[in-house]
C-alpha atoms as a PDB file:
ATOM      1  CA  VAL A   1      -0.096  -0.074  -0.038  1.00  0.00           C
ATOM      2  CA  PRO A   2       1.595   3.209  -1.093  1.00  0.00           C
ATOM      3  CA  VAL A   3       0.997   5.951   1.602  1.00  0.00           C
ATOM      4  CA  ALA A   4       0.666   9.598   0.718  1.00  0.00           C
ATOM      5  CA  LEU A   5       1.813  12.207   3.465  1.00  0.00           C
ATOM      6  CA  THR A   6      -0.646  14.957   1.693  1.00  0.00           C
ATOM      7  CA  PRO A   7      -3.378  15.117  -0.993  1.00  0.00           C
ATOM      8  CA  GLU A   8      -0.793  16.719  -3.274  1.00  0.00           C
ATOM      9  CA  VAL A   9       1.619  13.774  -2.842  1.00  0.00           C
ATOM     10  CA  GLN A  10      -1.456  11.420  -3.380  1.00  0.00           C
ATOM     11  CA  SER A  11      -2.089  13.003  -6.832  1.00  0.00           C
ATOM     12  CA  SER A  12       1.450  12.627  -7.770  1.00  0.00           C
ATOM     13  CA  ILE A  13       1.662   9.044  -6.791  1.00  0.00           C
ATOM     14  CA  ALA A  14      -1.630   8.323  -8.692  1.00  0.00           C
ATOM     15  CA  GLU A  15      -0.349   9.976 -11.820  1.00  0.00           C
ATOM     16  CA  PHE A  16       3.151   8.496 -11.789  1.00  0.00           C
ATOM     17  CA  TYR A  17       2.013   4.870 -11.153  1.00  0.00           C
ATOM     18  CA  GLY A  18      -1.374   4.946 -12.866  1.00  0.00           C
ATOM     19  CA  LEU A  19      -3.242   4.055  -9.586  1.00  0.00           C
ATOM     20  CA  PRO A  20      -6.671   5.180  -8.497  1.00  0.00           C
ATOM     21  CA  LEU A  21      -6.686   7.564  -5.690  1.00  0.00           C
ATOM     22  CA  ALA A  22      -8.844   5.132  -3.659  1.00  0.00           C
ATOM     23  CA  ARG A  23      -5.788   2.833  -3.338  1.00  0.00           C
ATOM     24  CA  ILE A  24      -3.525   5.538  -1.978  1.00  0.00           C
ATOM     25  CA  PRO A  25      -4.518   6.338   1.544  1.00  0.00           C
ATOM     26  CA  VAL A  26      -3.436   9.825   2.898  1.00  0.00           C
ATOM     27  CA  ILE A  27      -1.839   9.813   6.269  1.00  0.00           C
ATOM     28  CA  TYR A  28      -0.257  12.950   7.620  1.00  0.00           C
ATOM     29  CA  ASN A  29       2.943  12.819   9.664  1.00  0.00           C
ATOM     30  CA  GLY A  30       2.327  13.282  13.243  1.00  0.00           C
ATOM     31  CA  ILE A  31       4.213  14.573  16.312  1.00  0.00           C
ATOM     32  CA  ASP A  32       3.893  14.430  20.082  1.00  0.00           C
ATOM     33  CA  LEU A  33       1.909  17.561  20.573  1.00  0.00           C
ATOM     34  CA  SER A  34       2.242  17.285  24.271  1.00  0.00           C
ATOM     35  CA  ARG A  35       5.787  18.635  23.930  1.00  0.00           C
ATOM     36  CA  CYS A  36       4.729  21.963  22.455  1.00  0.00           C
ATOM     37  CA  VAL A  37       4.467  24.826  24.871  1.00  0.00           C
ATOM     38  CA  PRO A  38       1.335  26.711  23.853  1.00  0.00           C
ATOM     39  CA  LYS A  39       1.571  30.557  23.638  1.00  0.00           C
ATOM     40  CA  THR A  40      -0.437  32.351  26.219  1.00  0.00           C
ATOM     41  CA  THR A  41      -0.254  35.832  24.871  1.00  0.00           C
ATOM     42  CA  TYR A  42       0.188  37.428  21.363  1.00  0.00           C
ATOM     43  CA  GLU A  43       1.293  40.782  22.736  1.00  0.00           C
ATOM     44  CA  THR A  44       4.563  41.662  21.570  1.00  0.00           C
ATOM     45  CA  GLY A  45       7.357  43.484  23.478  1.00  0.00           C
ATOM     46  CA  GLU A  46       9.863  46.055  22.146  1.00  0.00           C
ATOM     47  CA  THR A  47      11.078  43.418  19.700  1.00  0.00           C
ATOM     48  CA  VAL A  48       8.966  41.254  17.321  1.00  0.00           C
ATOM     49  CA  THR A  49      10.731  37.855  16.816  1.00  0.00           C
ATOM     50  CA  ILE A  50      10.230  35.939  13.543  1.00  0.00           C
ATOM     51  CA  LEU A  51      11.398  32.244  13.830  1.00  0.00           C
ATOM     52  CA  HIS A  52      12.578  29.970  11.210  1.00  0.00           C
ATOM     53  CA  VAL A  53      13.714  26.315  11.994  1.00  0.00           C
ATOM     54  CA  GLY A  54      15.418  24.384   9.246  1.00  0.00           C
ATOM     55  CA  ARG A  55      18.670  23.120   7.702  1.00  0.00           C
ATOM     56  CA  PHE A  56      20.715  25.671   5.754  1.00  0.00           C
ATOM     57  CA  ASP A  57      20.054  24.258   2.312  1.00  0.00           C
ATOM     58  CA  VAL A  58      18.860  25.646  -1.100  1.00  0.00           C
ATOM     59  CA  PRO A  59      15.184  24.356  -0.741  1.00  0.00           C
ATOM     60  CA  LYS A  60      14.829  26.169   2.520  1.00  0.00           C
ATOM     61  CA  ASN A  61      15.252  29.435   0.740  1.00  0.00           C
ATOM     62  CA  HIS A  62      17.404  31.352   3.482  1.00  0.00           C
ATOM     63  CA  ALA A  63      18.507  33.903   0.971  1.00  0.00           C
ATOM     64  CA  GLY A  64      14.962  34.849   0.032  1.00  0.00           C
ATOM     65  CA  LEU A  65      14.130  35.023   3.658  1.00  0.00           C
ATOM     66  CA  LEU A  66      17.022  37.322   4.501  1.00  0.00           C
ATOM     67  CA  GLU A  67      15.909  39.717   1.552  1.00  0.00           C
ATOM     68  CA  ALA A  68      12.399  39.558   2.786  1.00  0.00           C
ATOM     69  CA  PHE A  69      13.556  40.552   6.326  1.00  0.00           C
ATOM     70  CA  ARG A  70      15.841  43.355   4.995  1.00  0.00           C
ATOM     71  CA  LEU A  71      12.822  44.864   3.266  1.00  0.00           C
ATOM     72  CA  LEU A  72      10.673  44.435   6.397  1.00  0.00           C
ATOM     73  CA  ARG A  73      13.256  46.307   8.576  1.00  0.00           C
ATOM     74  CA  GLU A  74      12.916  49.346   6.448  1.00  0.00           C
ATOM     75  CA  THR A  75       9.375  49.938   7.830  1.00  0.00           C
ATOM     76  CA  HIS A  76       9.688  47.857  11.057  1.00  0.00           C
ATOM     77  CA  PRO A  77      13.120  48.142  12.693  1.00  0.00           C
ATOM     78  CA  GLU A  78      11.769  46.430  15.776  1.00  0.00           C
ATOM     79  CA  CYS A  79      11.801  43.137  14.032  1.00  0.00           C
ATOM     80  CA  HIS A  80      14.451  40.333  14.913  1.00  0.00           C
ATOM     81  CA  LEU A  81      15.059  37.162  12.921  1.00  0.00           C
ATOM     82  CA  ARG A  82      16.051  33.953  14.667  1.00  0.00           C
ATOM     83  CA  LEU A  83      17.397  31.098  12.590  1.00  0.00           C
ATOM     84  CA  VAL A  84      17.622  27.487  14.076  1.00  0.00           C
ATOM     85  CA  GLY A  85      19.634  24.987  12.261  1.00  0.00           C
ATOM     86  CA  ASP A  86      22.842  24.276  10.482  1.00  0.00           C
ATOM     87  CA  GLY A  87      24.099  23.203   7.250  1.00  0.00           C
ATOM     88  CA  ASP A  88      26.420  23.719   4.258  1.00  0.00           C
ATOM     89  CA  LEU A  89      24.998  27.087   3.525  1.00  0.00           C
ATOM     90  CA  ARG A  90      25.120  28.579   6.949  1.00  0.00           C
ATOM     91  CA  ALA A  91      28.300  30.544   6.475  1.00  0.00           C
ATOM     92  CA  ASP A  92      27.092  31.743   3.176  1.00  0.00           C
ATOM     93  CA  MET A  93      24.012  33.038   4.888  1.00  0.00           C
ATOM     94  CA  GLU A  94      25.971  34.781   7.621  1.00  0.00           C
ATOM     95  CA  ALA A  95      28.004  36.571   5.135  1.00  0.00           C
ATOM     96  CA  LEU A  96      24.776  37.519   3.253  1.00  0.00           C
ATOM     97  CA  ALA A  97      23.111  38.907   6.436  1.00  0.00           C
ATOM     98  CA  LYS A  98      26.319  41.174   6.960  1.00  0.00           C
ATOM     99  CA  GLU A  99      26.342  42.333   3.236  1.00  0.00           C
ATOM    100  CA  LYS A 100      22.714  43.340   3.539  1.00  0.00           C
ATOM    101  CA  GLY A 101      23.349  45.224   6.741  1.00  0.00           C
ATOM    102  CA  ILE A 102      21.012  43.158   8.858  1.00  0.00           C
ATOM    103  CA  SER A 103      23.418  40.992  10.947  1.00  0.00           C
ATOM    104  CA  ASP A 104      22.666  42.907  14.138  1.00  0.00           C
ATOM    105  CA  ALA A 105      18.948  41.705  13.876  1.00  0.00           C
ATOM    106  CA  VAL A 106      19.573  38.176  12.666  1.00  0.00           C
ATOM    107  CA  GLU A 107      20.540  35.491  15.239  1.00  0.00           C
ATOM    108  CA  PHE A 108      22.063  32.203  13.911  1.00  0.00           C
ATOM    109  CA  CYS A 109      21.322  29.730  16.732  1.00  0.00           C
ATOM    110  CA  GLY A 110      22.662  26.544  15.356  1.00  0.00           C
ATOM    111  CA  MET A 111      21.348  23.119  15.897  1.00  0.00           C
ATOM    112  CA  GLN A 112      19.153  22.735  18.788  1.00  0.00           C
ATOM    113  CA  SER A 113      18.006  19.412  20.485  1.00  0.00           C
ATOM    114  CA  ASN A 114      14.923  21.067  21.722  1.00  0.00           C
ATOM    115  CA  VAL A 115      13.204  23.709  19.575  1.00  0.00           C
ATOM    116  CA  TYR A 116      10.045  23.993  21.684  1.00  0.00           C
ATOM    117  CA  PRO A 117      11.270  27.032  23.790  1.00  0.00           C
ATOM    118  CA  TYR A 118      12.327  28.772  20.737  1.00  0.00           C
ATOM    119  CA  LEU A 119       8.750  28.283  19.207  1.00  0.00           C
ATOM    120  CA  HIS A 120       7.141  29.436  22.415  1.00  0.00           C
ATOM    121  CA  ASP A 121       9.312  32.640  22.620  1.00  0.00           C
ATOM    122  CA  ALA A 122       8.725  33.654  18.943  1.00  0.00           C
ATOM    123  CA  ASP A 123       5.937  36.002  17.761  1.00  0.00           C
ATOM    124  CA  ILE A 124       5.885  34.610  14.123  1.00  0.00           C
ATOM    125  CA  PHE A 125       6.947  31.443  12.462  1.00  0.00           C
ATOM    126  CA  THR A 126       8.030  31.339   8.874  1.00  0.00           C
ATOM    127  CA  LEU A 127       8.886  28.656   6.472  1.00  0.00           C
ATOM    128  CA  PRO A 128       9.429  30.360   3.049  1.00  0.00           C
ATOM    129  CA  SER A 129      10.740  27.148   1.229  1.00  0.00           C
ATOM    130  CA  ILE A 130      10.987  26.642  -2.521  1.00  0.00           C
ATOM    131  CA  TYR A 131       9.506  23.233  -2.200  1.00  0.00           C
ATOM    132  CA  GLU A 132       8.245  20.930   0.732  1.00  0.00           C
ATOM    133  CA  GLY A 133       6.610  17.830   1.484  1.00  0.00           C
ATOM    134  CA  ASN A 134       4.949  17.423   4.827  1.00  0.00           C
ATOM    135  CA  PRO A 135       7.168  19.665   7.106  1.00  0.00           C
ATOM    136  CA  MET A 136       7.297  18.650  10.659  1.00  0.00           C
ATOM    137  CA  THR A 137       8.288  22.324  11.754  1.00  0.00           C
ATOM    138  CA  ILE A 138       4.919  23.564  10.677  1.00  0.00           C
ATOM    139  CA  ILE A 139       3.368  20.916  12.812  1.00  0.00           C
ATOM    140  CA  GLU A 140       5.446  22.181  15.728  1.00  0.00           C
ATOM    141  CA  ALA A 141       4.546  25.691  15.267  1.00  0.00           C
ATOM    142  CA  MET A 142       0.867  24.943  14.842  1.00  0.00           C
ATOM    143  CA  GLY A 143       0.987  23.006  18.214  1.00  0.00           C
ATOM    144  CA  THR A 144       2.546  25.954  19.784  1.00  0.00           C
ATOM    145  CA  GLY A 145      -0.215  28.183  18.475  1.00  0.00           C
ATOM    146  CA  LEU A 146       2.093  30.493  16.384  1.00  0.00           C
ATOM    147  CA  PRO A 147       0.834  32.607  13.594  1.00  0.00           C
ATOM    148  CA  ILE A 148       2.482  31.194  10.384  1.00  0.00           C
ATOM    149  CA  VAL A 149       3.961  32.704   7.179  1.00  0.00           C
ATOM    150  CA  ALA A 150       4.784  29.848   4.731  1.00  0.00           C
ATOM    151  CA  SER A 151       5.268  29.080   0.970  1.00  0.00           C
ATOM    152  CA  ARG A 152       2.204  27.960  -1.054  1.00  0.00           C
ATOM    153  CA  VAL A 153       4.250  24.957  -2.295  1.00  0.00           C
ATOM    154  CA  GLY A 154       4.198  21.188  -1.808  1.00  0.00           C
ATOM    155  CA  GLY A 155       2.153  19.897   0.971  1.00  0.00           C
ATOM    156  CA  ILE A 156       1.960  23.138   2.851  1.00  0.00           C
ATOM    157  CA  PRO A 157      -1.501  24.316   1.504  1.00  0.00           C
ATOM    158  CA  ASP A 158      -2.810  20.955   2.679  1.00  0.00           C
ATOM    159  CA  MET A 159      -1.703  21.889   6.172  1.00  0.00           C
ATOM    160  CA  ILE A 160      -2.245  25.669   6.349  1.00  0.00           C
ATOM    161  CA  HIS A 161      -5.467  27.326   5.204  1.00  0.00           C
ATOM    162  CA  ASP A 162      -4.646  30.837   3.892  1.00  0.00           C
ATOM    163  CA  GLY A 163      -6.145  33.461   6.055  1.00  0.00           C
ATOM    164  CA  GLU A 164      -7.528  31.095   8.513  1.00  0.00           C
ATOM    165  CA  SER A 165      -4.555  29.239  10.236  1.00  0.00           C
ATOM    166  CA  GLY A 166      -1.791  31.095   8.606  1.00  0.00           C
ATOM    167  CA  ILE A 167      -0.706  33.275   5.677  1.00  0.00           C
ATOM    168  CA  LEU A 168       0.543  31.542   2.540  1.00  0.00           C
ATOM    169  CA  VAL A 169       2.851  33.429   0.167  1.00  0.00           C
ATOM    170  CA  GLU A 170       4.971  33.100  -2.732  1.00  0.00           C
ATOM    171  CA  PRO A 171       8.612  31.978  -2.131  1.00  0.00           C
ATOM    172  CA  GLU A 172      10.069  35.272  -3.125  1.00  0.00           C
ATOM    173  CA  PRO A 173      11.058  38.349  -1.036  1.00  0.00           C
ATOM    174  CA  GLN A 174       8.293  40.800  -1.831  1.00  0.00           C
ATOM    175  CA  SER A 175       5.506  38.323  -0.988  1.00  0.00           C
ATOM    176  CA  ILE A 176       7.172  37.050   2.102  1.00  0.00           C
ATOM    177  CA  CYS A 177       7.757  40.434   3.398  1.00  0.00           C
ATOM    178  CA  ALA A 178       4.092  41.420   2.739  1.00  0.00           C
ATOM    179  CA  GLY A 179       2.948  38.297   4.955  1.00  0.00           C
ATOM    180  CA  PHE A 180       5.251  39.459   7.715  1.00  0.00           C
ATOM    181  CA  THR A 181       4.034  43.075   7.533  1.00  0.00           C
ATOM    182  CA  ARG A 182       0.422  41.892   7.989  1.00  0.00           C
ATOM    183  CA  LEU A 183       1.126  39.975  11.054  1.00  0.00           C
ATOM    184  CA  VAL A 184       3.566  42.598  12.573  1.00  0.00           C
ATOM    185  CA  GLU A 185       0.821  45.325  12.267  1.00  0.00           C
ATOM    186  CA  ASP A 186      -2.135  43.332  13.422  1.00  0.00           C
ATOM    187  CA  GLY A 187      -2.122  41.706  16.858  1.00  0.00           C
ATOM    188  CA  THR A 188      -5.727  40.573  16.379  1.00  0.00           C
ATOM    189  CA  LEU A 189      -4.777  38.655  13.312  1.00  0.00           C
ATOM    190  CA  ARG A 190      -1.705  37.134  15.014  1.00  0.00           C
ATOM    191  CA  GLN A 191      -4.013  35.720  17.686  1.00  0.00           C
ATOM    192  CA  ARG A 192      -6.728  34.573  15.484  1.00  0.00           C
ATOM    193  CA  LEU A 193      -4.451  32.594  13.096  1.00  0.00           C
ATOM    194  CA  GLY A 194      -2.312  31.138  16.111  1.00  0.00           C
ATOM    195  CA  GLU A 195      -5.278  29.998  17.944  1.00  0.00           C
ATOM    196  CA  THR A 196      -6.740  28.451  14.769  1.00  0.00           C
ATOM    197  CA  ALA A 197      -3.520  26.854  13.805  1.00  0.00           C
ATOM    198  CA  ARG A 198      -3.315  25.209  17.300  1.00  0.00           C
ATOM    199  CA  ARG A 199      -6.810  23.758  17.081  1.00  0.00           C
ATOM    200  CA  GLN A 200      -6.058  22.360  13.761  1.00  0.00           C
ATOM    201  CA  SER A 201      -2.752  20.945  14.763  1.00  0.00           C
ATOM    202  CA  GLN A 202      -4.737  17.879  16.255  1.00  0.00           C
ATOM    203  CA  THR A 203      -4.861  16.552  12.711  1.00  0.00           C
ATOM    204  CA  PHE A 204      -1.233  16.131  12.858  1.00  0.00           C
ATOM    205  CA  SER A 205      -0.863  14.510  16.279  1.00  0.00           C
ATOM    206  CA  ALA A 206       1.111  11.180  16.635  1.00  0.00           C
ATOM    207  CA  GLU A 207      -2.019   9.480  17.920  1.00  0.00           C
ATOM    208  CA  HIS A 208      -4.111  10.518  14.814  1.00  0.00           C
ATOM    209  CA  MET A 209      -1.282   9.225  12.691  1.00  0.00           C
ATOM    210  CA  ALA A 210      -1.025   5.989  14.460  1.00  0.00           C
ATOM    211  CA  ARG A 211      -4.763   5.350  14.356  1.00  0.00           C
ATOM    212  CA  ASP A 212      -4.752   6.026  10.489  1.00  0.00           C
ATOM    213  CA  TYR A 213      -1.989   3.657  10.070  1.00  0.00           C
ATOM    214  CA  LEU A 214      -3.707   0.796  12.118  1.00  0.00           C
ATOM    215  CA  SER A 215      -6.756   1.285  10.080  1.00  0.00           C
END
């Protein structure tokens, strides 16, 4: 039985192997949501923290994210970008942040064995990837109740409903920056999207995944 992680992957499998959709169950990846530390407030302090979690590799689009953040800082200098992860392109991205004049507002946190405190402390989560499957970091952000700005690619639109549980954007700087700007300027929107994302995160629990595989 070929199992698809998202409806988008299901369609790809059906087309590639010539199978009917009914033979390809969709089972989302799941995580232990009890590890998430839910947000209790959506008020920001003097600094608005945007968080990205992911390896430093081309598909994750760090270069586009840094340019989007540079544009955002032109109108919202209170914003801070925190990057958790490591990879081959990390040194290049550190150099790019300096080149763009934003290194004082970009924190490279390296690999972390426990990302949940970083998620809880953030105000906005972002995943502006060029392509994705069923990213676990989106589930972790949803379980935390974070408002999310993510690319409209791969399986992400099957997880995040635009304007309901997050903001979907194109993986290019102007679009990413526009998504950030909406959330930075609108605390009510941050709370509404974050709370909806947390409710919908139950679809991606480990228990839900296990029940589906058993079935």
